[in-house]
């Protein structure tokens, strides 16, 4: 397993929780969506599981220590 995959696996559940929370708040905030909450909340759950994986994969390289050092050296800091 690559380091990127390991970091993405660690971050996946946190991103999943954030995406689910944003989706749930969106559904419950708008009255037009809240009327269909019984149907939309399961869709939010599935969408959060699906969307969290690519987001975790994109965020993982930025969490590596070497990435931050390369960016600061390139910027001249």
C-alpha atoms as a PDB file:
ATOM      1  CA  UNK A   1       0.000   0.000   0.000  1.00  0.00           C
ATOM      2  CA  UNK A   2       1.271   3.403  -0.902  1.00  0.00           C
ATOM      3  CA  UNK A   3       1.620   6.206   1.598  1.00  0.00           C
ATOM      4  CA  UNK A   4      -0.970   8.185  -0.340  1.00  0.00           C
ATOM      5  CA  UNK A   5      -3.497   5.342   0.029  1.00  0.00           C
ATOM      6  CA  UNK A   6      -2.794   5.004   3.739  1.00  0.00           C
ATOM      7  CA  UNK A   7      -3.293   8.716   4.340  1.00  0.00           C
ATOM      8  CA  UNK A   8      -6.438   8.714   2.188  1.00  0.00           C
ATOM      9  CA  UNK A   9      -7.824   5.809   4.207  1.00  0.00           C
ATOM     10  CA  UNK A  10      -7.248   7.706   7.442  1.00  0.00           C
ATOM     11  CA  UNK A  11      -8.822  10.887   6.130  1.00  0.00           C
ATOM     12  CA  UNK A  12     -11.746   9.161   4.381  1.00  0.00           C
ATOM     13  CA  UNK A  13     -14.049   8.916   7.401  1.00  0.00           C
ATOM     14  CA  UNK A  14     -13.491  12.540   8.402  1.00  0.00           C
ATOM     15  CA  UNK A  15     -14.255  13.759   4.901  1.00  0.00           C
ATOM     16  CA  UNK A  16     -17.256  11.434   4.777  1.00  0.00           C
ATOM     17  CA  UNK A  17     -18.630  12.989   7.971  1.00  0.00           C
ATOM     18  CA  UNK A  18     -18.160  16.527   6.654  1.00  0.00           C
ATOM     19  CA  UNK A  19     -19.780  15.766   3.289  1.00  0.00           C
ATOM     20  CA  UNK A  20     -22.684  14.024   5.047  1.00  0.00           C
ATOM     21  CA  UNK A  21     -23.142  16.964   7.411  1.00  0.00           C
ATOM     22  CA  UNK A  22     -23.156  19.483   4.579  1.00  0.00           C
ATOM     23  CA  UNK A  23     -25.672  17.377   2.662  1.00  0.00           C
ATOM     24  CA  UNK A  24     -27.919  16.855   5.665  1.00  0.00           C
ATOM     25  CA  UNK A  25     -27.911  20.536   6.602  1.00  0.00           C
ATOM     26  CA  UNK A  26     -28.714  21.405   2.996  1.00  0.00           C
ATOM     27  CA  UNK A  27     -31.649  18.995   2.919  1.00  0.00           C
ATOM     28  CA  UNK A  28     -33.041  20.142   6.255  1.00  0.00           C
ATOM     29  CA  UNK A  29     -32.543  23.878   5.650  1.00  0.00           C
ATOM     30  CA  UNK A  30     -34.647  24.280   2.528  1.00  0.00           C
ATOM     31  CA  UNK A  31     -38.337  23.587   3.072  1.00  0.00           C
ATOM     32  CA  UNK A  32     -38.766  22.272  -0.458  1.00  0.00           C
ATOM     33  CA  UNK A  33     -36.085  19.652   0.203  1.00  0.00           C
ATOM     34  CA  UNK A  34     -37.174  18.985   3.785  1.00  0.00           C
ATOM     35  CA  UNK A  35     -40.568  17.800   2.519  1.00  0.00           C
ATOM     36  CA  UNK A  36     -38.757  15.000   0.699  1.00  0.00           C
ATOM     37  CA  UNK A  37     -36.281  14.269   3.501  1.00  0.00           C
ATOM     38  CA  UNK A  38     -37.440  10.660   3.819  1.00  0.00           C
ATOM     39  CA  UNK A  39     -36.202  10.035   0.269  1.00  0.00           C
ATOM     40  CA  UNK A  40     -33.273  12.453   0.179  1.00  0.00           C
ATOM     41  CA  UNK A  41     -31.424  11.495   3.375  1.00  0.00           C
ATOM     42  CA  UNK A  42     -30.573   7.966   2.111  1.00  0.00           C
ATOM     43  CA  UNK A  43     -29.343   9.603  -1.100  1.00  0.00           C
ATOM     44  CA  UNK A  44     -27.159  11.950   0.975  1.00  0.00           C
ATOM     45  CA  UNK A  45     -25.696   8.947   2.825  1.00  0.00           C
ATOM     46  CA  UNK A  46     -24.810   7.156  -0.410  1.00  0.00           C
ATOM     47  CA  UNK A  47     -23.487  10.331  -2.006  1.00  0.00           C
ATOM     48  CA  UNK A  48     -21.282  11.063   0.998  1.00  0.00           C
ATOM     49  CA  UNK A  49     -19.716   7.586   0.835  1.00  0.00           C
ATOM     50  CA  UNK A  50     -19.100   7.934  -2.898  1.00  0.00           C
ATOM     51  CA  UNK A  51     -17.816  11.528  -2.893  1.00  0.00           C
ATOM     52  CA  UNK A  52     -15.547  11.095   0.137  1.00  0.00           C
ATOM     53  CA  UNK A  53     -13.240   8.619  -1.633  1.00  0.00           C
ATOM     54  CA  UNK A  54     -12.039  10.879  -4.474  1.00  0.00           C
ATOM     55  CA  UNK A  55     -11.865  13.865  -2.129  1.00  0.00           C
ATOM     56  CA  UNK A  56      -9.674  11.900   0.282  1.00  0.00           C
ATOM     57  CA  UNK A  57      -7.488  10.798  -2.629  1.00  0.00           C
ATOM     58  CA  UNK A  58      -7.023  14.427  -3.727  1.00  0.00           C
ATOM     59  CA  UNK A  59      -6.321  15.723  -0.217  1.00  0.00           C
ATOM     60  CA  UNK A  60      -3.882  12.968   0.825  1.00  0.00           C
ATOM     61  CA  UNK A  61      -0.748  14.273  -0.975  1.00  0.00           C
ATOM     62  CA  UNK A  62      -1.189  17.679   0.643  1.00  0.00           C
ATOM     63  CA  UNK A  63      -0.984  16.092   4.085  1.00  0.00           C
ATOM     64  CA  UNK A  64       2.477  14.705   3.526  1.00  0.00           C
ATOM     65  CA  UNK A  65       5.267  16.614   5.222  1.00  0.00           C
ATOM     66  CA  UNK A  66       7.415  16.702   2.093  1.00  0.00           C
ATOM     67  CA  UNK A  67       4.692  18.485   0.125  1.00  0.00           C
ATOM     68  CA  UNK A  68       4.717  21.446   2.516  1.00  0.00           C
ATOM     69  CA  UNK A  69       8.495  21.669   2.473  1.00  0.00           C
ATOM     70  CA  UNK A  70       8.595  21.648  -1.323  1.00  0.00           C
ATOM     71  CA  UNK A  71       6.021  24.402  -1.555  1.00  0.00           C
ATOM     72  CA  UNK A  72       7.788  26.622   0.971  1.00  0.00           C
ATOM     73  CA  UNK A  73      11.201  26.087  -0.661  1.00  0.00           C
ATOM     74  CA  UNK A  74       9.759  26.848  -4.099  1.00  0.00           C
ATOM     75  CA  UNK A  75       8.174  30.045  -2.772  1.00  0.00           C
ATOM     76  CA  UNK A  76      11.454  31.157  -1.237  1.00  0.00           C
ATOM     77  CA  UNK A  77      10.318  31.077   2.377  1.00  0.00           C
END
